[in-house]
């Protein structure tokens, strides 16, 4: 039963703003960046591991990753153009790509795929500006939204279920 309630508790916790606005903004920004990376590469697994290792709002991160994954598909030509510019057209980077490809685990990251490299670079470049852009709205609206949501009985039950799950 705890397995089924955990995602709902995380969502209630995120919506009730029990994390700081900085954690909420960081979760949204990093989740969006990880969501851009194609899920068939080791880079996506490393990104999800990083999300779990950092102290960010996981519910917000997973929601942002889901939205970014859906939005990334139509924009794949943009990522392909960025990856193509780095892998093919930038001849001065070829020794770097060759050296990376000859390392034991690095080829599993899929960096030699233009779309994967493009989304990775775009996600890394977007993470900090997105965090800074989201920090103000998270500071302004999260406390008010959280106090309103805490009044709902379902949210109170889900937040209380977290305490009950720890006791059993």
N, C-alpha and C. Protein backbone atom coordinates (compact mmCIF):
# COMPACT_ATOMS: atom_id res chain seq x y z
N UNK A 1 0.82 -1.19 0.00
CA UNK A 1 0.00 0.00 0.00
C UNK A 1 0.86 1.25 0.00
N UNK A 2 1.98 1.20 0.71
CA UNK A 2 2.88 2.34 0.77
C UNK A 2 3.44 2.66 -0.62
N UNK A 3 3.65 1.61 -1.42
CA UNK A 3 4.17 1.79 -2.78
C UNK A 3 3.21 2.63 -3.63
N UNK A 4 1.91 2.43 -3.41
CA UNK A 4 0.90 3.16 -4.18
C UNK A 4 0.73 4.59 -3.68
N UNK A 5 0.90 4.80 -2.39
CA UNK A 5 0.68 6.12 -1.82
C UNK A 5 1.87 7.06 -1.96
N UNK A 6 3.06 6.50 -2.15
CA UNK A 6 4.25 7.34 -2.17
C UNK A 6 4.21 8.41 -3.26
N UNK A 7 3.86 8.08 -4.52
CA UNK A 7 3.79 9.16 -5.52
C UNK A 7 2.75 10.22 -5.18
N UNK A 8 1.63 9.79 -4.61
CA UNK A 8 0.61 10.77 -4.21
C UNK A 8 1.09 11.63 -3.05
N UNK A 9 1.82 11.04 -2.12
CA UNK A 9 2.37 11.82 -1.01
C UNK A 9 3.40 12.83 -1.53
N UNK A 10 4.25 12.40 -2.46
CA UNK A 10 5.23 13.33 -3.04
C UNK A 10 4.54 14.49 -3.74
N UNK A 11 3.48 14.19 -4.48
CA UNK A 11 2.74 15.24 -5.16
C UNK A 11 2.09 16.19 -4.16
N UNK A 12 1.49 15.65 -3.12
CA UNK A 12 0.87 16.49 -2.09
C UNK A 12 1.92 17.34 -1.39
N UNK A 13 3.06 16.75 -1.13
CA UNK A 13 4.14 17.49 -0.47
C UNK A 13 4.64 18.62 -1.36
N UNK A 14 4.76 18.34 -2.65
CA UNK A 14 5.21 19.38 -3.59
C UNK A 14 4.18 20.49 -3.71
N UNK A 15 2.92 20.11 -3.83
CA UNK A 15 1.87 21.11 -3.98
C UNK A 15 1.64 21.89 -2.70
N UNK A 16 1.84 21.26 -1.57
CA UNK A 16 1.66 21.95 -0.30
C UNK A 16 2.89 22.78 0.08
N UNK A 17 3.89 22.77 -0.77
CA UNK A 17 5.10 23.59 -0.61
C UNK A 17 5.80 23.34 0.73
N UNK A 18 5.98 22.07 1.06
CA UNK A 18 6.70 21.75 2.28
C UNK A 18 8.22 21.85 2.08
N UNK A 19 8.64 21.99 0.84
CA UNK A 19 10.04 22.25 0.55
C UNK A 19 10.23 23.75 0.38
N UNK A 20 11.45 24.19 0.43
CA UNK A 20 11.72 25.61 0.24
C UNK A 20 11.50 25.99 -1.22
N UNK A 21 11.25 27.26 -1.50
CA UNK A 21 11.09 27.68 -2.90
C UNK A 21 12.33 27.39 -3.75
N UNK A 22 13.50 27.43 -3.13
CA UNK A 22 14.73 27.13 -3.86
C UNK A 22 14.75 25.67 -4.30
N UNK A 23 14.31 24.76 -3.41
CA UNK A 23 14.25 23.34 -3.77
C UNK A 23 13.21 23.09 -4.85
N UNK A 24 12.11 23.81 -4.78
CA UNK A 24 11.06 23.67 -5.79
C UNK A 24 11.55 24.15 -7.15
N UNK A 25 12.19 25.32 -7.19
CA UNK A 25 12.72 25.86 -8.45
C UNK A 25 13.84 24.98 -9.00
N UNK A 26 14.69 24.48 -8.12
CA UNK A 26 15.77 23.60 -8.57
C UNK A 26 15.21 22.29 -9.12
N UNK A 27 14.19 21.76 -8.48
CA UNK A 27 13.56 20.54 -8.98
C UNK A 27 12.95 20.74 -10.34
N UNK A 28 12.26 21.86 -10.53
CA UNK A 28 11.66 22.14 -11.84
C UNK A 28 12.72 22.31 -12.91
N UNK A 29 13.77 23.08 -12.61
CA UNK A 29 14.80 23.35 -13.61
C UNK A 29 15.60 22.10 -13.96
N UNK A 30 16.04 21.36 -12.96
CA UNK A 30 16.82 20.15 -13.23
C UNK A 30 15.97 19.06 -13.85
N UNK A 31 14.74 18.95 -13.41
CA UNK A 31 13.84 17.98 -14.02
C UNK A 31 13.59 18.27 -15.48
N UNK A 32 13.42 19.54 -15.81
CA UNK A 32 13.24 19.92 -17.21
C UNK A 32 14.47 19.56 -18.03
N UNK A 33 15.64 19.86 -17.48
CA UNK A 33 16.89 19.56 -18.20
C UNK A 33 17.07 18.06 -18.41
N UNK A 34 16.78 17.27 -17.40
CA UNK A 34 16.90 15.81 -17.52
C UNK A 34 15.84 15.27 -18.48
N UNK A 35 14.67 15.87 -18.46
CA UNK A 35 13.60 15.42 -19.34
C UNK A 35 13.90 15.61 -20.81
N UNK A 36 14.79 16.53 -21.14
CA UNK A 36 15.14 16.76 -22.54
C UNK A 36 15.99 15.63 -23.12
N UNK A 37 16.79 14.99 -22.28
CA UNK A 37 17.72 13.97 -22.74
C UNK A 37 16.94 12.71 -23.14
N UNK A 38 17.21 12.14 -24.33
CA UNK A 38 16.53 10.89 -24.71
C UNK A 38 16.76 9.80 -23.67
N UNK A 39 15.72 9.06 -23.38
CA UNK A 39 15.76 8.09 -22.28
C UNK A 39 16.48 6.80 -22.60
N UNK A 40 16.96 6.64 -23.82
CA UNK A 40 17.65 5.41 -24.19
C UNK A 40 19.15 5.47 -23.93
N UNK A 41 19.63 6.53 -23.31
CA UNK A 41 21.07 6.65 -23.08
C UNK A 41 21.38 6.59 -21.59
N UNK A 42 22.62 6.34 -21.30
CA UNK A 42 23.09 6.32 -19.92
C UNK A 42 23.03 7.71 -19.32
N UNK A 43 23.08 8.76 -20.14
CA UNK A 43 23.00 10.13 -19.64
C UNK A 43 21.68 10.38 -18.93
N UNK A 44 20.59 9.82 -19.43
CA UNK A 44 19.29 9.99 -18.78
C UNK A 44 19.29 9.32 -17.41
N UNK A 45 19.86 8.14 -17.32
CA UNK A 45 19.95 7.45 -16.03
C UNK A 45 20.83 8.23 -15.06
N UNK A 46 21.92 8.79 -15.56
CA UNK A 46 22.79 9.60 -14.70
C UNK A 46 22.07 10.86 -14.24
N UNK A 47 21.28 11.46 -15.13
CA UNK A 47 20.51 12.64 -14.75
C UNK A 47 19.48 12.34 -13.68
N UNK A 48 18.77 11.22 -13.81
CA UNK A 48 17.80 10.84 -12.79
C UNK A 48 18.48 10.52 -11.46
N UNK A 49 19.65 9.90 -11.52
CA UNK A 49 20.41 9.63 -10.31
C UNK A 49 20.84 10.93 -9.64
N UNK A 50 21.24 11.90 -10.45
CA UNK A 50 21.62 13.20 -9.91
C UNK A 50 20.43 13.88 -9.23
N UNK A 51 19.25 13.78 -9.85
CA UNK A 51 18.05 14.35 -9.23
C UNK A 51 17.79 13.74 -7.86
N UNK A 52 17.95 12.43 -7.76
CA UNK A 52 17.71 11.76 -6.49
C UNK A 52 18.79 12.08 -5.45
N UNK A 53 19.99 12.35 -5.91
CA UNK A 53 21.10 12.63 -5.00
C UNK A 53 21.05 14.05 -4.45
N UNK A 54 20.52 14.98 -5.22
CA UNK A 54 20.46 16.36 -4.78
C UNK A 54 19.21 16.60 -3.94
N UNK A 55 19.25 17.63 -3.14
CA UNK A 55 18.10 17.94 -2.30
C UNK A 55 17.20 18.92 -3.05
N UNK A 56 16.41 18.34 -3.98
CA UNK A 56 15.46 19.10 -4.77
C UNK A 56 14.08 18.48 -4.59
N UNK A 57 13.07 19.19 -5.01
CA UNK A 57 11.71 18.69 -4.93
C UNK A 57 11.52 17.65 -6.03
N UNK A 58 11.44 16.38 -5.65
CA UNK A 58 11.38 15.29 -6.63
C UNK A 58 10.07 15.28 -7.41
N UNK A 59 8.97 15.61 -6.77
CA UNK A 59 7.70 15.62 -7.48
C UNK A 59 7.71 16.68 -8.57
N UNK A 60 8.22 17.85 -8.25
CA UNK A 60 8.33 18.91 -9.25
C UNK A 60 9.30 18.50 -10.36
N UNK A 61 10.39 17.84 -9.98
CA UNK A 61 11.38 17.41 -10.97
C UNK A 61 10.80 16.39 -11.93
N UNK A 62 10.06 15.41 -11.39
CA UNK A 62 9.47 14.39 -12.26
C UNK A 62 8.39 14.97 -13.15
N UNK A 63 7.61 15.90 -12.62
CA UNK A 63 6.58 16.55 -13.45
C UNK A 63 7.23 17.37 -14.56
N UNK A 64 8.29 18.10 -14.24
CA UNK A 64 8.98 18.89 -15.25
C UNK A 64 9.66 17.99 -16.29
N UNK A 65 10.19 16.86 -15.85
CA UNK A 65 10.82 15.92 -16.79
C UNK A 65 9.78 15.34 -17.75
N UNK A 66 8.61 15.04 -17.24
CA UNK A 66 7.54 14.51 -18.11
C UNK A 66 7.11 15.56 -19.14
N UNK A 67 6.97 16.80 -18.70
CA UNK A 67 6.59 17.88 -19.63
C UNK A 67 7.69 18.13 -20.67
N UNK A 68 8.94 18.11 -20.22
CA UNK A 68 10.05 18.34 -21.15
C UNK A 68 10.16 17.20 -22.16
N UNK A 69 9.92 15.97 -21.72
CA UNK A 69 9.97 14.84 -22.65
C UNK A 69 8.93 14.97 -23.74
N UNK A 70 7.74 15.41 -23.36
CA UNK A 70 6.68 15.60 -24.36
C UNK A 70 6.98 16.76 -25.29
N UNK A 71 7.57 17.82 -24.75
CA UNK A 71 7.87 19.00 -25.57
C UNK A 71 9.10 18.80 -26.44
N UNK A 72 9.98 17.89 -26.07
CA UNK A 72 11.24 17.73 -26.79
C UNK A 72 11.07 17.02 -28.13
N UNK A 73 10.11 16.14 -28.22
CA UNK A 73 9.96 15.35 -29.44
C UNK A 73 9.77 16.21 -30.70
N UNK A 74 8.88 17.20 -30.70
CA UNK A 74 8.75 18.01 -31.91
C UNK A 74 9.97 18.90 -32.18
N UNK A 75 10.77 19.14 -31.15
CA UNK A 75 11.93 20.02 -31.30
C UNK A 75 13.23 19.24 -31.54
N UNK A 76 13.13 17.96 -31.85
CA UNK A 76 14.33 17.17 -32.13
C UNK A 76 15.21 17.75 -33.25
N UNK A 77 14.66 18.36 -34.30
CA UNK A 77 15.54 18.95 -35.32
C UNK A 77 16.48 20.02 -34.74
N UNK A 78 16.03 20.76 -33.75
CA UNK A 78 16.89 21.75 -33.10
C UNK A 78 18.05 21.06 -32.39
N UNK A 79 17.75 20.01 -31.63
CA UNK A 79 18.80 19.26 -30.93
C UNK A 79 19.75 18.60 -31.93
N UNK A 80 19.19 18.09 -33.04
CA UNK A 80 20.04 17.48 -34.06
C UNK A 80 21.01 18.51 -34.64
N UNK A 81 20.53 19.73 -34.86
CA UNK A 81 21.40 20.78 -35.41
C UNK A 81 22.53 21.12 -34.45
N UNK A 82 22.22 21.20 -33.16
CA UNK A 82 23.26 21.49 -32.16
C UNK A 82 24.25 20.34 -32.09
N UNK A 83 23.75 19.11 -32.00
CA UNK A 83 24.63 17.95 -31.94
C UNK A 83 25.46 17.77 -33.19
N UNK A 84 24.86 18.04 -34.34
CA UNK A 84 25.59 17.95 -35.61
C UNK A 84 26.70 18.99 -35.67
N UNK A 85 26.42 20.19 -35.18
CA UNK A 85 27.45 21.23 -35.17
C UNK A 85 28.62 20.83 -34.28
N UNK A 86 28.35 20.16 -33.17
CA UNK A 86 29.42 19.77 -32.26
C UNK A 86 30.14 18.50 -32.70
N UNK A 87 29.41 17.53 -33.23
CA UNK A 87 30.03 16.25 -33.59
C UNK A 87 30.65 16.25 -34.98
N UNK A 88 30.01 16.90 -35.94
CA UNK A 88 30.45 16.78 -37.32
C UNK A 88 31.19 18.04 -37.80
N UNK A 89 30.56 19.17 -37.59
CA UNK A 89 31.11 20.40 -38.17
C UNK A 89 32.27 20.99 -37.40
N UNK A 90 32.35 20.76 -36.11
CA UNK A 90 33.45 21.28 -35.30
C UNK A 90 34.61 20.29 -35.36
N UNK A 91 35.44 20.44 -36.39
CA UNK A 91 36.54 19.49 -36.60
C UNK A 91 37.56 19.51 -35.46
N UNK A 92 37.69 20.65 -34.80
CA UNK A 92 38.66 20.73 -33.71
C UNK A 92 38.26 19.88 -32.50
N UNK A 93 37.00 19.45 -32.43
CA UNK A 93 36.54 18.60 -31.33
C UNK A 93 36.68 17.10 -31.63
N UNK A 94 37.03 16.73 -32.85
CA UNK A 94 37.11 15.30 -33.20
C UNK A 94 38.06 14.51 -32.32
N UNK A 95 39.24 15.03 -31.98
CA UNK A 95 40.10 14.26 -31.07
C UNK A 95 39.45 14.01 -29.69
N UNK A 96 38.68 14.98 -29.22
CA UNK A 96 37.97 14.80 -27.95
C UNK A 96 36.93 13.69 -28.07
N UNK A 97 36.13 13.72 -29.14
CA UNK A 97 35.10 12.69 -29.32
C UNK A 97 35.73 11.31 -29.48
N UNK A 98 36.84 11.24 -30.18
CA UNK A 98 37.53 9.96 -30.36
C UNK A 98 38.06 9.43 -29.03
N UNK A 99 38.67 10.32 -28.25
CA UNK A 99 39.20 9.91 -26.95
C UNK A 99 38.07 9.46 -26.02
N UNK A 100 36.96 10.18 -26.02
CA UNK A 100 35.82 9.80 -25.19
C UNK A 100 35.23 8.46 -25.63
N UNK A 101 35.15 8.25 -26.93
CA UNK A 101 34.57 7.01 -27.44
C UNK A 101 35.43 5.80 -27.10
N UNK A 102 36.72 6.01 -26.95
CA UNK A 102 37.63 4.90 -26.63
C UNK A 102 37.68 4.58 -25.14
N UNK A 103 37.02 5.37 -24.31
CA UNK A 103 36.95 5.06 -22.88
C UNK A 103 35.96 3.92 -22.65
N UNK A 104 36.08 3.19 -21.54
CA UNK A 104 35.26 1.99 -21.34
C UNK A 104 33.74 2.22 -21.30
N UNK A 105 33.22 3.14 -20.53
CA UNK A 105 31.78 3.25 -20.31
C UNK A 105 31.16 4.40 -21.10
N UNK A 106 31.94 5.36 -21.49
CA UNK A 106 31.43 6.59 -22.10
C UNK A 106 30.59 6.35 -23.36
N UNK A 107 30.91 5.39 -24.22
CA UNK A 107 30.04 5.18 -25.39
C UNK A 107 28.59 4.83 -25.04
N UNK A 108 28.35 4.27 -23.86
CA UNK A 108 26.99 3.94 -23.45
C UNK A 108 26.16 5.19 -23.17
N UNK A 109 26.82 6.33 -23.00
CA UNK A 109 26.08 7.57 -22.76
C UNK A 109 25.35 8.02 -24.01
N UNK A 110 25.76 7.54 -25.16
CA UNK A 110 25.11 7.93 -26.41
C UNK A 110 25.50 9.31 -26.89
N UNK A 111 26.62 9.83 -26.40
CA UNK A 111 27.04 11.18 -26.79
C UNK A 111 27.33 11.27 -28.29
N UNK A 112 27.58 10.15 -28.94
CA UNK A 112 27.87 10.18 -30.38
C UNK A 112 26.61 10.26 -31.23
N UNK A 113 25.45 10.32 -30.61
CA UNK A 113 24.18 10.55 -31.30
C UNK A 113 23.94 12.05 -31.29
N UNK A 114 23.68 12.63 -32.46
CA UNK A 114 23.54 14.09 -32.53
C UNK A 114 22.38 14.61 -31.69
N UNK A 115 21.28 13.88 -31.67
CA UNK A 115 20.12 14.35 -30.89
C UNK A 115 20.41 14.26 -29.39
N UNK A 116 21.02 13.17 -28.95
CA UNK A 116 21.35 13.02 -27.53
C UNK A 116 22.32 14.09 -27.09
N UNK A 117 23.38 14.31 -27.85
CA UNK A 117 24.35 15.34 -27.48
C UNK A 117 23.71 16.72 -27.53
N UNK A 118 22.88 16.98 -28.53
CA UNK A 118 22.22 18.27 -28.64
C UNK A 118 21.33 18.57 -27.46
N UNK A 119 20.49 17.59 -27.06
CA UNK A 119 19.61 17.82 -25.93
C UNK A 119 20.39 17.93 -24.62
N UNK A 120 21.46 17.18 -24.49
CA UNK A 120 22.28 17.26 -23.28
C UNK A 120 22.88 18.66 -23.15
N UNK A 121 23.43 19.16 -24.23
CA UNK A 121 24.03 20.50 -24.20
C UNK A 121 22.96 21.56 -23.95
N UNK A 122 21.83 21.47 -24.66
CA UNK A 122 20.76 22.45 -24.46
C UNK A 122 20.20 22.38 -23.04
N UNK A 123 20.06 21.18 -22.50
CA UNK A 123 19.58 21.03 -21.13
C UNK A 123 20.53 21.62 -20.10
N UNK A 124 21.82 21.38 -20.31
CA UNK A 124 22.82 21.95 -19.39
C UNK A 124 22.85 23.47 -19.47
N UNK A 125 22.72 24.00 -20.68
CA UNK A 125 22.72 25.45 -20.85
C UNK A 125 21.46 26.10 -20.29
N UNK A 126 20.35 25.37 -20.29
CA UNK A 126 19.08 25.95 -19.83
C UNK A 126 18.87 25.82 -18.33
N UNK A 127 19.59 24.95 -17.65
CA UNK A 127 19.30 24.64 -16.24
C UNK A 127 19.39 25.88 -15.34
N UNK A 128 20.50 26.59 -15.37
CA UNK A 128 20.65 27.72 -14.45
C UNK A 128 19.73 28.89 -14.80
N UNK A 129 19.64 29.30 -16.07
CA UNK A 129 18.69 30.40 -16.37
C UNK A 129 17.25 30.03 -16.02
N UNK A 130 16.88 28.78 -16.22
CA UNK A 130 15.53 28.35 -15.87
C UNK A 130 15.32 28.39 -14.36
N UNK A 131 16.33 27.99 -13.61
CA UNK A 131 16.25 28.06 -12.14
C UNK A 131 16.05 29.51 -11.69
N UNK A 132 16.86 30.41 -12.25
CA UNK A 132 16.74 31.83 -11.87
C UNK A 132 15.37 32.40 -12.26
N UNK A 133 14.84 31.98 -13.41
CA UNK A 133 13.54 32.47 -13.85
C UNK A 133 12.40 31.92 -12.99
N UNK A 134 12.54 30.71 -12.49
CA UNK A 134 11.48 30.08 -11.69
C UNK A 134 11.56 30.44 -10.20
N UNK A 135 12.70 30.93 -9.77
CA UNK A 135 12.88 31.20 -8.35
C UNK A 135 11.91 32.28 -7.84
N UNK A 136 11.72 33.34 -8.59
CA UNK A 136 10.81 34.41 -8.18
C UNK A 136 9.37 33.93 -8.06
N UNK A 137 8.82 33.28 -9.11
CA UNK A 137 7.44 32.77 -8.97
C UNK A 137 7.30 31.72 -7.87
N UNK A 138 8.32 30.89 -7.66
CA UNK A 138 8.23 29.89 -6.60
C UNK A 138 8.21 30.57 -5.23
N UNK A 139 8.99 31.64 -5.05
CA UNK A 139 8.97 32.37 -3.78
C UNK A 139 7.64 33.09 -3.57
N UNK A 140 7.05 33.57 -4.65
CA UNK A 140 5.83 34.36 -4.54
C UNK A 140 4.60 33.49 -4.37
N UNK A 141 4.45 32.47 -5.20
CA UNK A 141 3.19 31.73 -5.26
C UNK A 141 3.17 30.44 -4.47
N UNK A 142 4.31 29.82 -4.23
CA UNK A 142 4.31 28.52 -3.54
C UNK A 142 3.73 28.59 -2.13
N UNK A 143 4.09 29.58 -1.29
CA UNK A 143 3.50 29.60 0.06
C UNK A 143 1.98 29.79 0.05
N UNK A 144 1.49 30.66 -0.81
CA UNK A 144 0.04 30.89 -0.85
C UNK A 144 -0.69 29.64 -1.36
N UNK A 145 -0.16 29.03 -2.39
CA UNK A 145 -0.77 27.82 -2.92
C UNK A 145 -0.70 26.69 -1.90
N UNK A 146 0.43 26.59 -1.22
CA UNK A 146 0.59 25.55 -0.21
C UNK A 146 -0.39 25.69 0.94
N UNK A 147 -0.59 26.91 1.42
CA UNK A 147 -1.52 27.09 2.54
C UNK A 147 -2.96 26.79 2.11
N UNK A 148 -3.31 27.09 0.87
CA UNK A 148 -4.66 26.77 0.38
C UNK A 148 -4.84 25.26 0.23
N UNK A 149 -3.82 24.59 -0.29
CA UNK A 149 -3.94 23.15 -0.51
C UNK A 149 -3.95 22.37 0.79
N UNK A 150 -3.28 22.88 1.81
CA UNK A 150 -3.23 22.17 3.10
C UNK A 150 -4.60 22.11 3.76
N UNK A 151 -5.54 22.93 3.30
CA UNK A 151 -6.89 22.91 3.87
C UNK A 151 -7.72 21.75 3.33
N UNK A 152 -7.33 21.17 2.21
CA UNK A 152 -8.09 20.06 1.64
C UNK A 152 -7.85 18.79 2.45
N UNK A 153 -8.91 18.09 2.70
CA UNK A 153 -8.84 16.87 3.51
C UNK A 153 -7.96 15.81 2.84
N UNK A 154 -8.05 15.70 1.51
CA UNK A 154 -7.24 14.69 0.80
C UNK A 154 -5.75 14.97 0.98
N UNK A 155 -5.35 16.22 0.92
CA UNK A 155 -3.94 16.57 1.11
C UNK A 155 -3.52 16.29 2.54
N UNK A 156 -4.38 16.63 3.49
CA UNK A 156 -4.07 16.35 4.89
C UNK A 156 -3.90 14.85 5.14
N UNK A 157 -4.77 14.05 4.52
CA UNK A 157 -4.66 12.60 4.67
C UNK A 157 -3.38 12.06 4.05
N UNK A 158 -3.03 12.59 2.86
CA UNK A 158 -1.81 12.11 2.21
C UNK A 158 -0.57 12.52 3.00
N UNK A 159 -0.55 13.72 3.51
CA UNK A 159 0.60 14.15 4.31
C UNK A 159 0.66 13.37 5.62
N UNK A 160 -0.49 13.05 6.18
CA UNK A 160 -0.53 12.22 7.38
C UNK A 160 -0.17 10.79 7.08
N UNK A 161 -0.44 10.33 5.84
CA UNK A 161 -0.09 8.96 5.46
C UNK A 161 1.42 8.76 5.47
N UNK A 162 2.16 9.84 5.25
CA UNK A 162 3.62 9.74 5.29
C UNK A 162 4.07 9.39 6.71
N UNK A 163 3.45 10.02 7.70
CA UNK A 163 3.80 9.72 9.10
C UNK A 163 3.40 8.29 9.44
N UNK A 164 2.19 7.88 8.99
CA UNK A 164 1.73 6.51 9.24
C UNK A 164 2.60 5.48 8.57
N UNK A 165 3.13 5.79 7.38
CA UNK A 165 3.98 4.84 6.66
C UNK A 165 5.31 4.66 7.38
N UNK A 166 5.80 5.70 8.06
CA UNK A 166 7.07 5.59 8.77
C UNK A 166 6.92 4.77 10.05
N UNK A 167 5.72 4.83 10.66
CA UNK A 167 5.49 4.10 11.89
C UNK A 167 5.34 2.61 11.66
N UNK A 168 4.82 2.21 10.49
CA UNK A 168 4.59 0.79 10.27
C UNK A 168 5.76 0.10 9.65
